Amino acid sequence: MADRARLADLLGQPVAAVTPLHGGDLSEVCEIRLADGTALVAKTGPLVATEARMLTAIACTGAPAPGVVAQSGDLLVMERLEETRPPPAGWATLGAALKALHASTGTAYGWAEDYAFGPAAIPNAPLQDWPAFWAERRLLAWPQALPRDIARRLEALATRLPDLLPHHPTPALLHGDLWTGNVLFTANSAALIDPACYHGDAEVDLAMLHLFGQPGPGFAGTYGALAPGWQDRRAIYTLWPALVHLRLFGAGYRGMVENYLSQVKA
């Protein structure tokens, strides 16, 4: 947990309390309360500097995200957003936020820095060809860490990606880990937290958002229609988070991976 004295030094004012919060695979998370009553969130971890840059990139698009207050070394301090149950228009605001995020585009597929979900590396070195990026930087990112039969099926699928994915979709700014747990609903918006940003096909975020359920009413209307053929691509894109779950949490997710591989006849 973040040290109170170090936090006070970074922020330039006394810290009255530090309370642990539920964290993820990358960082320890806590709420800090300043002497004047202001509440903030602090994270510690090896990649928080990269996360700070990702949060700033998201905020620059107009999509709601926690503001970066300060960052030094392995310590990140962010705005504390007040979470609520999804308000009536909550999913519609998420659709609008994601549309704004994806309207920000890059010149290649990838990101200036690599990232990771715990021990699962996320290589992001930019490429100009999208099927090559999805094969090399995602599905084949760490075949040695997967069951041998799964790795072989992924290798076979990778050779077919040029026929299954568009070669040059708009390189949209992606959240990169957009499951519902990384959407924080407030009274007036749906904020994007814990990003793993890079530029790629916008359908990747949509696939992840549907991995464990479906967005609520109003989302599709504000986000807008997807490109024709998206149904055929969804299993390919959902394979990546399924592989991450298999890597991080074990054999209980093998069936999910095999299901998506079977959907794409791999």
C-alpha atoms as a PDB file:
ATOM      1  CA  MET A   1       0.000   0.000   0.000  1.00  0.00           C
ATOM      2  CA  ALA A   2       1.207   3.538  -0.746  1.00  0.00           C
ATOM      3  CA  ASP A   3       3.230   5.099   2.072  1.00  0.00           C
ATOM      4  CA  ARG A   4       1.523   8.090   3.692  1.00  0.00           C
ATOM      5  CA  ALA A   5       4.710  10.136   3.954  1.00  0.00           C
ATOM      6  CA  ARG A   6       5.565   9.514   0.318  1.00  0.00           C
ATOM      7  CA  LEU A   7       2.066  10.519  -0.742  1.00  0.00           C
ATOM      8  CA  ALA A   8       2.266  13.709   1.282  1.00  0.00           C
ATOM      9  CA  ASP A   9       5.614  14.535  -0.305  1.00  0.00           C
ATOM     10  CA  LEU A  10       4.271  13.928  -3.822  1.00  0.00           C
ATOM     11  CA  LEU A  11       1.104  15.959  -3.248  1.00  0.00           C
ATOM     12  CA  GLY A  12       2.680  18.706  -1.192  1.00  0.00           C
ATOM     13  CA  GLN A  13       0.130  18.479   1.605  1.00  0.00           C
ATOM     14  CA  PRO A  14      -0.676  16.261   4.595  1.00  0.00           C
ATOM     15  CA  VAL A  15      -2.464  12.941   4.115  1.00  0.00           C
ATOM     16  CA  ALA A  16      -4.944  12.174   6.879  1.00  0.00           C
ATOM     17  CA  ALA A  17      -5.826   8.569   6.004  1.00  0.00           C
ATOM     18  CA  VAL A  18      -4.991   5.743   3.599  1.00  0.00           C
ATOM     19  CA  THR A  19      -7.572   2.975   3.086  1.00  0.00           C
ATOM     20  CA  PRO A  20      -6.998  -0.111   0.901  1.00  0.00           C
ATOM     21  CA  LEU A  21      -9.387  -0.643  -2.010  1.00  0.00           C
ATOM     22  CA  HIS A  22      -9.938  -3.643  -4.250  1.00  0.00           C
ATOM     23  CA  GLY A  23      -7.174  -3.707  -6.855  1.00  0.00           C
ATOM     24  CA  GLY A  24      -6.326  -5.606 -10.020  1.00  0.00           C
ATOM     25  CA  ASP A  25      -3.468  -7.701 -11.354  1.00  0.00           C
ATOM     26  CA  LEU A  26      -1.136  -4.777 -12.007  1.00  0.00           C
ATOM     27  CA  SER A  27      -1.359  -2.507  -8.984  1.00  0.00           C
ATOM     28  CA  GLU A  28      -2.308  -2.019  -5.362  1.00  0.00           C
ATOM     29  CA  VAL A  29      -5.074   0.550  -4.977  1.00  0.00           C
ATOM     30  CA  CYS A  30      -6.068   2.694  -2.008  1.00  0.00           C
ATOM     31  CA  GLU A  31      -8.182   5.710  -1.178  1.00  0.00           C
ATOM     32  CA  ILE A  32      -6.341   8.604   0.358  1.00  0.00           C
ATOM     33  CA  ARG A  33      -7.974  11.348   2.359  1.00  0.00           C
ATOM     34  CA  LEU A  34      -6.195  14.675   2.558  1.00  0.00           C
ATOM     35  CA  ALA A  35      -6.260  16.872   5.612  1.00  0.00           C
ATOM     36  CA  ASP A  36      -8.781  19.192   3.929  1.00  0.00           C
ATOM     37  CA  GLY A  37     -11.150  16.231   3.326  1.00  0.00           C
ATOM     38  CA  THR A  38     -10.394  15.739  -0.364  1.00  0.00           C
ATOM     39  CA  ALA A  39     -10.574  12.093  -1.431  1.00  0.00           C
ATOM     40  CA  LEU A  40      -8.212  10.733  -4.101  1.00  0.00           C
ATOM     41  CA  VAL A  41      -7.155   7.311  -5.353  1.00  0.00           C
ATOM     42  CA  ALA A  42      -3.547   6.093  -5.307  1.00  0.00           C
ATOM     43  CA  LYS A  43      -2.124   3.124  -7.218  1.00  0.00           C
ATOM     44  CA  THR A  44       1.284   1.539  -6.944  1.00  0.00           C
ATOM     45  CA  GLY A  45       2.800  -0.765  -9.515  1.00  0.00           C
ATOM     46  CA  PRO A  46       5.514  -1.036 -12.152  1.00  0.00           C
ATOM     47  CA  LEU A  47       3.363   0.307 -15.000  1.00  0.00           C
ATOM     48  CA  VAL A  48       1.473   3.210 -13.433  1.00  0.00           C
ATOM     49  CA  ALA A  49       3.447   5.791 -15.419  1.00  0.00           C
ATOM     50  CA  THR A  50       2.174   4.165 -18.608  1.00  0.00           C
ATOM     51  CA  GLU A  51      -1.344   4.065 -17.178  1.00  0.00           C
ATOM     52  CA  ALA A  52      -1.146   7.783 -16.412  1.00  0.00           C
ATOM     53  CA  ARG A  53      -0.288   8.504 -20.036  1.00  0.00           C
ATOM     54  CA  MET A  54      -3.154   6.296 -21.184  1.00  0.00           C
ATOM     55  CA  LEU A  55      -5.652   8.034 -18.883  1.00  0.00           C
ATOM     56  CA  THR A  56      -4.474  11.392 -20.188  1.00  0.00           C
ATOM     57  CA  ALA A  57      -4.912  10.204 -23.783  1.00  0.00           C
ATOM     58  CA  ILE A  58      -8.457   9.061 -23.006  1.00  0.00           C
ATOM     59  CA  ALA A  59      -9.345  12.350 -21.301  1.00  0.00           C
ATOM     60  CA  CYS A  60      -8.064  14.301 -24.306  1.00  0.00           C
ATOM     61  CA  THR A  61     -10.745  12.659 -26.468  1.00  0.00           C
ATOM     62  CA  GLY A  62     -13.516  13.974 -24.222  1.00  0.00           C
ATOM     63  CA  ALA A  63     -14.360  10.509 -22.888  1.00  0.00           C
ATOM     64  CA  PRO A  64     -14.743  10.569 -19.086  1.00  0.00           C
ATOM     65  CA  ALA A  65     -11.802   9.113 -17.155  1.00  0.00           C
ATOM     66  CA  PRO A  66     -10.207   9.758 -13.768  1.00  0.00           C
ATOM     67  CA  GLY A  67      -7.982  12.821 -13.890  1.00  0.00           C
ATOM     68  CA  VAL A  68      -4.289  12.284 -13.181  1.00  0.00           C
ATOM     69  CA  VAL A  69      -3.338  14.343 -10.127  1.00  0.00           C
ATOM     70  CA  ALA A  70       0.303  13.305  -9.747  1.00  0.00           C
ATOM     71  CA  GLN A  71       2.662  10.516 -10.730  1.00  0.00           C
ATOM     72  CA  SER A  72       6.183   9.610  -9.706  1.00  0.00           C
ATOM     73  CA  GLY A  73       7.995   6.303 -10.145  1.00  0.00           C
ATOM     74  CA  ASP A  74       5.659   3.462  -9.225  1.00  0.00           C
ATOM     75  CA  LEU A  75       3.071   5.767  -7.616  1.00  0.00           C
ATOM     76  CA  LEU A  76       0.025   7.272  -9.345  1.00  0.00           C
ATOM     77  CA  VAL A  77      -2.565   9.557  -7.726  1.00  0.00           C
ATOM     78  CA  MET A  78      -5.888  10.094  -9.486  1.00  0.00           C
ATOM     79  CA  GLU A  79      -9.180  11.855  -9.061  1.00  0.00           C
ATOM     80  CA  ARG A  80     -11.674   9.931  -6.894  1.00  0.00           C
ATOM     81  CA  LEU A  81     -14.917   9.439  -8.831  1.00  0.00           C
ATOM     82  CA  GLU A  82     -18.104   8.744  -6.903  1.00  0.00           C
ATOM     83  CA  GLU A  83     -19.490   5.449  -8.201  1.00  0.00           C
ATOM     84  CA  THR A  84     -23.238   4.822  -8.393  1.00  0.00           C
ATOM     85  CA  ARG A  85     -25.525   2.182  -9.817  1.00  0.00           C
ATOM     86  CA  PRO A  86     -25.963   2.774 -13.557  1.00  0.00           C
ATOM     87  CA  PRO A  87     -28.410   5.686 -13.884  1.00  0.00           C
ATOM     88  CA  PRO A  88     -31.246   5.439 -16.438  1.00  0.00           C
ATOM     89  CA  ALA A  89     -29.109   6.975 -19.168  1.00  0.00           C
ATOM     90  CA  GLY A  90     -25.885   5.336 -17.992  1.00  0.00           C
ATOM     91  CA  TRP A  91     -25.404   2.918 -20.865  1.00  0.00           C
ATOM     92  CA  ALA A  92     -26.245   5.623 -23.374  1.00  0.00           C
ATOM     93  CA  THR A  93     -23.520   7.818 -21.883  1.00  0.00           C
ATOM     94  CA  LEU A  94     -21.093   4.907 -22.190  1.00  0.00           C
ATOM     95  CA  GLY A  95     -21.952   4.559 -25.876  1.00  0.00           C
ATOM     96  CA  ALA A  96     -21.260   8.263 -26.391  1.00  0.00           C
ATOM     97  CA  ALA A  97     -17.991   8.067 -24.429  1.00  0.00           C
ATOM     98  CA  LEU A  98     -16.764   5.091 -26.425  1.00  0.00           C
ATOM     99  CA  LYS A  99     -17.720   6.777 -29.685  1.00  0.00           C
ATOM    100  CA  ALA A 100     -15.641   9.813 -28.683  1.00  0.00           C
ATOM    101  CA  LEU A 101     -12.719   7.581 -27.707  1.00  0.00           C
ATOM    102  CA  HIS A 102     -12.759   5.689 -30.987  1.00  0.00           C
ATOM    103  CA  ALA A 103     -12.985   8.922 -32.990  1.00  0.00           C
ATOM    104  CA  SER A 104      -9.415   9.646 -31.889  1.00  0.00           C
ATOM    105  CA  THR A 105      -7.131   7.876 -34.343  1.00  0.00           C
ATOM    106  CA  GLY A 106      -3.459   7.036 -34.797  1.00  0.00           C
ATOM    107  CA  THR A 107      -1.199   6.434 -37.760  1.00  0.00           C
ATOM    108  CA  ALA A 108      -0.464   2.747 -37.063  1.00  0.00           C
ATOM    109  CA  TYR A 109      -1.743  -0.169 -34.993  1.00  0.00           C
ATOM    110  CA  GLY A 110      -0.198  -0.386 -31.534  1.00  0.00           C
ATOM    111  CA  TRP A 111       1.133   1.970 -28.882  1.00  0.00           C
ATOM    112  CA  ALA A 112       4.410   3.666 -28.048  1.00  0.00           C
ATOM    113  CA  GLU A 113       4.905   1.432 -24.998  1.00  0.00           C
ATOM    114  CA  ASP A 114       4.363  -2.217 -24.206  1.00  0.00           C
ATOM    115  CA  TYR A 115       2.040  -3.074 -21.326  1.00  0.00           C
ATOM    116  CA  ALA A 116       1.012  -6.138 -19.312  1.00  0.00           C
ATOM    117  CA  PHE A 117      -1.801  -7.778 -17.397  1.00  0.00           C
ATOM    118  CA  GLY A 118       0.238  -9.086 -14.491  1.00  0.00           C
ATOM    119  CA  PRO A 119       2.564 -11.741 -15.993  1.00  0.00           C
ATOM    120  CA  ALA A 120       0.797 -11.613 -19.379  1.00  0.00           C
ATOM    121  CA  ALA A 121       2.867  -9.312 -21.573  1.00  0.00           C
ATOM    122  CA  ILE A 122       1.082  -7.052 -24.065  1.00  0.00           C
ATOM    123  CA  PRO A 123       3.506  -6.211 -26.899  1.00  0.00           C
ATOM    124  CA  ASN A 124       2.467  -3.018 -28.655  1.00  0.00           C
ATOM    125  CA  ALA A 125       5.213  -2.246 -31.181  1.00  0.00           C
ATOM    126  CA  PRO A 126       3.346  -0.531 -34.044  1.00  0.00           C
ATOM    127  CA  LEU A 127       2.579  -2.238 -37.334  1.00  0.00           C
ATOM    128  CA  GLN A 128       0.861  -0.934 -40.458  1.00  0.00           C
ATOM    129  CA  ASP A 129      -1.072  -4.142 -41.204  1.00  0.00           C
ATOM    130  CA  TRP A 130      -3.909  -4.989 -38.820  1.00  0.00           C
ATOM    131  CA  PRO A 131      -4.095  -8.801 -39.338  1.00  0.00           C
ATOM    132  CA  ALA A 132      -0.331  -8.955 -38.747  1.00  0.00           C
ATOM    133  CA  PHE A 133      -0.681  -6.926 -35.541  1.00  0.00           C
ATOM    134  CA  TRP A 134      -3.517  -9.092 -34.251  1.00  0.00           C
ATOM    135  CA  ALA A 135      -1.564 -12.252 -34.998  1.00  0.00           C
ATOM    136  CA  GLU A 136       1.890 -11.240 -33.766  1.00  0.00           C
ATOM    137  CA  ARG A 137       1.073  -8.860 -30.911  1.00  0.00           C
ATOM    138  CA  ARG A 138      -2.036 -10.567 -29.549  1.00  0.00           C
ATOM    139  CA  LEU A 139      -2.907 -14.173 -30.476  1.00  0.00           C
ATOM    140  CA  LEU A 140       0.747 -15.240 -30.687  1.00  0.00           C
ATOM    141  CA  ALA A 141       2.074 -12.966 -27.929  1.00  0.00           C
ATOM    142  CA  TRP A 142       3.173 -15.844 -25.674  1.00  0.00           C
ATOM    143  CA  PRO A 143       2.452 -19.282 -27.223  1.00  0.00           C
ATOM    144  CA  GLN A 144       4.961 -20.907 -24.853  1.00  0.00           C
ATOM    145  CA  ALA A 145       2.690 -20.022 -21.921  1.00  0.00           C
ATOM    146  CA  LEU A 146      -0.361 -21.782 -23.392  1.00  0.00           C
ATOM    147  CA  PRO A 147      -1.289 -25.466 -23.703  1.00  0.00           C
ATOM    148  CA  ARG A 148       0.501 -26.865 -26.739  1.00  0.00           C
ATOM    149  CA  ASP A 149      -2.666 -27.836 -28.599  1.00  0.00           C
ATOM    150  CA  ILE A 150      -4.172 -24.368 -28.075  1.00  0.00           C
ATOM    151  CA  ALA A 151      -0.960 -22.741 -29.316  1.00  0.00           C
ATOM    152  CA  ARG A 152      -1.002 -24.879 -32.481  1.00  0.00           C
ATOM    153  CA  ARG A 153      -4.601 -23.932 -33.226  1.00  0.00           C
ATOM    154  CA  LEU A 154      -3.743 -20.251 -32.745  1.00  0.00           C
ATOM    155  CA  GLU A 155      -0.798 -20.556 -35.124  1.00  0.00           C
ATOM    156  CA  ALA A 156      -3.077 -22.074 -37.752  1.00  0.00           C
ATOM    157  CA  LEU A 157      -5.645 -19.312 -37.250  1.00  0.00           C
ATOM    158  CA  ALA A 158      -2.964 -16.641 -37.552  1.00  0.00           C
ATOM    159  CA  THR A 159      -2.181 -17.734 -41.101  1.00  0.00           C
ATOM    160  CA  ARG A 160      -5.837 -17.169 -42.043  1.00  0.00           C
ATOM    161  CA  LEU A 161      -6.249 -13.709 -40.498  1.00  0.00           C
ATOM    162  CA  PRO A 162      -5.462 -11.823 -43.735  1.00  0.00           C
ATOM    163  CA  ASP A 163      -8.634 -13.387 -45.166  1.00  0.00           C
ATOM    164  CA  LEU A 164     -10.727 -12.835 -42.021  1.00  0.00           C
ATOM    165  CA  LEU A 165      -9.872  -9.310 -40.835  1.00  0.00           C
ATOM    166  CA  PRO A 166      -9.678  -5.970 -42.646  1.00  0.00           C
ATOM    167  CA  HIS A 167      -6.096  -5.021 -43.471  1.00  0.00           C
ATOM    168  CA  HIS A 168      -6.448  -1.309 -42.748  1.00  0.00           C
ATOM    169  CA  PRO A 169      -9.394  -0.469 -40.473  1.00  0.00           C
ATOM    170  CA  THR A 170      -9.297   2.997 -38.920  1.00  0.00           C
ATOM    171  CA  PRO A 171      -6.693   2.819 -36.107  1.00  0.00           C
ATOM    172  CA  ALA A 172      -9.020   3.950 -33.322  1.00  0.00           C
ATOM    173  CA  LEU A 173      -7.823   4.698 -29.817  1.00  0.00           C
ATOM    174  CA  LEU A 174      -8.896   1.652 -27.793  1.00  0.00           C
ATOM    175  CA  HIS A 175      -9.434   1.281 -24.072  1.00  0.00           C
ATOM    176  CA  GLY A 176      -7.942  -2.181 -24.491  1.00  0.00           C
ATOM    177  CA  ASP A 177      -9.537  -3.923 -21.492  1.00  0.00           C
ATOM    178  CA  LEU A 178     -13.134  -2.809 -21.724  1.00  0.00           C
ATOM    179  CA  TRP A 179     -15.094  -5.240 -19.590  1.00  0.00           C
ATOM    180  CA  THR A 180     -17.908  -3.885 -17.439  1.00  0.00           C
ATOM    181  CA  GLY A 181     -15.675  -3.862 -14.347  1.00  0.00           C
ATOM    182  CA  ASN A 182     -13.600  -1.148 -16.006  1.00  0.00           C
ATOM    183  CA  VAL A 183     -16.607   1.111 -16.513  1.00  0.00           C
ATOM    184  CA  LEU A 184     -17.368   3.326 -13.519  1.00  0.00           C
ATOM    185  CA  PHE A 185     -20.830   4.824 -13.574  1.00  0.00           C
ATOM    186  CA  THR A 186     -21.267   8.163 -11.840  1.00  0.00           C
ATOM    187  CA  ALA A 187     -24.401  10.262 -11.492  1.00  0.00           C
ATOM    188  CA  ASN A 188     -23.783  11.928 -14.861  1.00  0.00           C
ATOM    189  CA  SER A 189     -21.426   9.779 -16.893  1.00  0.00           C
ATOM    190  CA  ALA A 190     -19.733   6.458 -17.519  1.00  0.00           C
ATOM    191  CA  ALA A 191     -16.002   6.806 -16.866  1.00  0.00           C
ATOM    192  CA  LEU A 192     -13.343   4.534 -18.348  1.00  0.00           C
ATOM    193  CA  ILE A 193     -10.844   3.204 -15.798  1.00  0.00           C
ATOM    194  CA  ASP A 194      -7.863   0.812 -15.772  1.00  0.00           C
ATOM    195  CA  PRO A 195      -7.016   1.185 -19.474  1.00  0.00           C
ATOM    196  CA  ALA A 196      -4.611  -0.854 -21.583  1.00  0.00           C
ATOM    197  CA  CYS A 197      -4.655   1.518 -24.546  1.00  0.00           C
ATOM    198  CA  TYR A 198      -3.428   1.051 -28.092  1.00  0.00           C
ATOM    199  CA  HIS A 199      -4.683   1.874 -31.581  1.00  0.00           C
ATOM    200  CA  GLY A 200      -6.623  -0.766 -33.470  1.00  0.00           C
ATOM    201  CA  ASP A 201      -9.971  -1.838 -34.858  1.00  0.00           C
ATOM    202  CA  ALA A 202     -12.717  -0.287 -32.716  1.00  0.00           C
ATOM    203  CA  GLU A 203     -14.561  -3.616 -32.788  1.00  0.00           C
ATOM    204  CA  VAL A 204     -11.982  -4.970 -30.318  1.00  0.00           C
ATOM    205  CA  ASP A 205     -13.418  -2.879 -27.467  1.00  0.00           C
ATOM    206  CA  LEU A 206     -16.957  -3.873 -28.423  1.00  0.00           C
ATOM    207  CA  ALA A 207     -16.033  -7.552 -28.390  1.00  0.00           C
ATOM    208  CA  MET A 208     -14.513  -7.249 -24.917  1.00  0.00           C
ATOM    209  CA  LEU A 209     -17.547  -5.348 -23.645  1.00  0.00           C
ATOM    210  CA  HIS A 210     -19.718  -8.309 -24.644  1.00  0.00           C
ATOM    211  CA  LEU A 211     -17.449 -10.991 -23.176  1.00  0.00           C
ATOM    212  CA  PHE A 212     -19.317 -11.410 -19.888  1.00  0.00           C
ATOM    213  CA  GLY A 213     -22.682  -9.911 -20.814  1.00  0.00           C
ATOM    214  CA  GLN A 214     -24.173  -7.152 -22.907  1.00  0.00           C
ATOM    215  CA  PRO A 215     -24.334  -3.378 -22.560  1.00  0.00           C
ATOM    216  CA  GLY A 216     -27.646  -2.090 -21.280  1.00  0.00           C
ATOM    217  CA  PRO A 217     -30.344  -0.135 -23.133  1.00  0.00           C
ATOM    218  CA  GLY A 218     -29.286   2.959 -24.987  1.00  0.00           C
ATOM    219  CA  PHE A 219     -25.703   1.910 -25.665  1.00  0.00           C
ATOM    220  CA  ALA A 220     -26.117   0.831 -29.293  1.00  0.00           C
ATOM    221  CA  GLY A 221     -28.085   3.944 -30.176  1.00  0.00           C
ATOM    222  CA  THR A 222     -25.415   6.386 -29.017  1.00  0.00           C
ATOM    223  CA  TYR A 223     -22.428   4.354 -30.160  1.00  0.00           C
ATOM    224  CA  GLY A 224     -23.765   3.720 -33.659  1.00  0.00           C
ATOM    225  CA  ALA A 225     -23.734   0.883 -36.165  1.00  0.00           C
ATOM    226  CA  LEU A 226     -20.750  -1.402 -36.729  1.00  0.00           C
ATOM    227  CA  ALA A 227     -19.184  -2.216 -40.078  1.00  0.00           C
ATOM    228  CA  PRO A 228     -20.780  -5.061 -42.040  1.00  0.00           C
ATOM    229  CA  GLY A 229     -19.458  -8.486 -41.111  1.00  0.00           C
ATOM    230  CA  TRP A 230     -18.718  -7.598 -37.487  1.00  0.00           C
ATOM    231  CA  GLN A 231     -20.461 -10.790 -36.327  1.00  0.00           C
ATOM    232  CA  ASP A 232     -17.847 -12.882 -38.161  1.00  0.00           C
ATOM    233  CA  ARG A 233     -14.974 -10.967 -36.563  1.00  0.00           C
ATOM    234  CA  ARG A 234     -16.226 -10.916 -32.988  1.00  0.00           C
ATOM    235  CA  ALA A 235     -14.989 -14.382 -31.997  1.00  0.00           C
ATOM    236  CA  ILE A 236     -11.512 -13.564 -33.354  1.00  0.00           C
ATOM    237  CA  TYR A 237     -11.375 -10.426 -31.250  1.00  0.00           C
ATOM    238  CA  THR A 238     -12.833 -12.058 -28.143  1.00  0.00           C
ATOM    239  CA  LEU A 239     -10.159 -14.751 -28.318  1.00  0.00           C
ATOM    240  CA  TRP A 240      -7.574 -12.311 -26.958  1.00  0.00           C
ATOM    241  CA  PRO A 241      -9.234 -11.598 -23.567  1.00  0.00           C
ATOM    242  CA  ALA A 242     -10.156 -15.279 -23.332  1.00  0.00           C
ATOM    243  CA  LEU A 243      -6.477 -16.174 -23.754  1.00  0.00           C
ATOM    244  CA  VAL A 244      -5.512 -13.623 -21.107  1.00  0.00           C
ATOM    245  CA  HIS A 245      -7.983 -15.207 -18.681  1.00  0.00           C
ATOM    246  CA  LEU A 246      -6.580 -18.656 -19.458  1.00  0.00           C
ATOM    247  CA  ARG A 247      -3.055 -17.378 -18.828  1.00  0.00           C
ATOM    248  CA  LEU A 248      -3.897 -15.568 -15.594  1.00  0.00           C
ATOM    249  CA  PHE A 249      -6.561 -17.751 -14.028  1.00  0.00           C
ATOM    250  CA  GLY A 250      -5.947 -21.218 -15.372  1.00  0.00           C
ATOM    251  CA  ALA A 251      -7.773 -24.151 -16.915  1.00  0.00           C
ATOM    252  CA  GLY A 252     -11.230 -22.948 -15.926  1.00  0.00           C
ATOM    253  CA  TYR A 253     -11.092 -20.681 -18.996  1.00  0.00           C
ATOM    254  CA  ARG A 254      -9.891 -23.335 -21.424  1.00  0.00           C
ATOM    255  CA  GLY A 255     -13.465 -24.072 -22.509  1.00  0.00           C
ATOM    256  CA  MET A 256     -14.028 -20.396 -23.344  1.00  0.00           C
ATOM    257  CA  VAL A 257     -10.906 -20.330 -25.522  1.00  0.00           C
ATOM    258  CA  GLU A 258     -11.863 -23.578 -27.278  1.00  0.00           C
ATOM    259  CA  ASN A 259     -15.358 -22.245 -27.916  1.00  0.00           C
ATOM    260  CA  TYR A 260     -14.045 -19.181 -29.731  1.00  0.00           C
ATOM    261  CA  LEU A 261     -11.508 -21.231 -31.655  1.00  0.00           C
ATOM    262  CA  SER A 262     -14.299 -23.562 -32.777  1.00  0.00           C
ATOM    263  CA  GLN A 263     -16.436 -20.592 -33.861  1.00  0.00           C
ATOM    264  CA  VAL A 264     -13.709 -19.536 -36.278  1.00  0.00           C
ATOM    265  CA  LYS A 265     -13.031 -23.148 -37.339  1.00  0.00           C
ATOM    266  CA  ALA A 266      -9.511 -23.206 -35.924  1.00  0.00           C
END
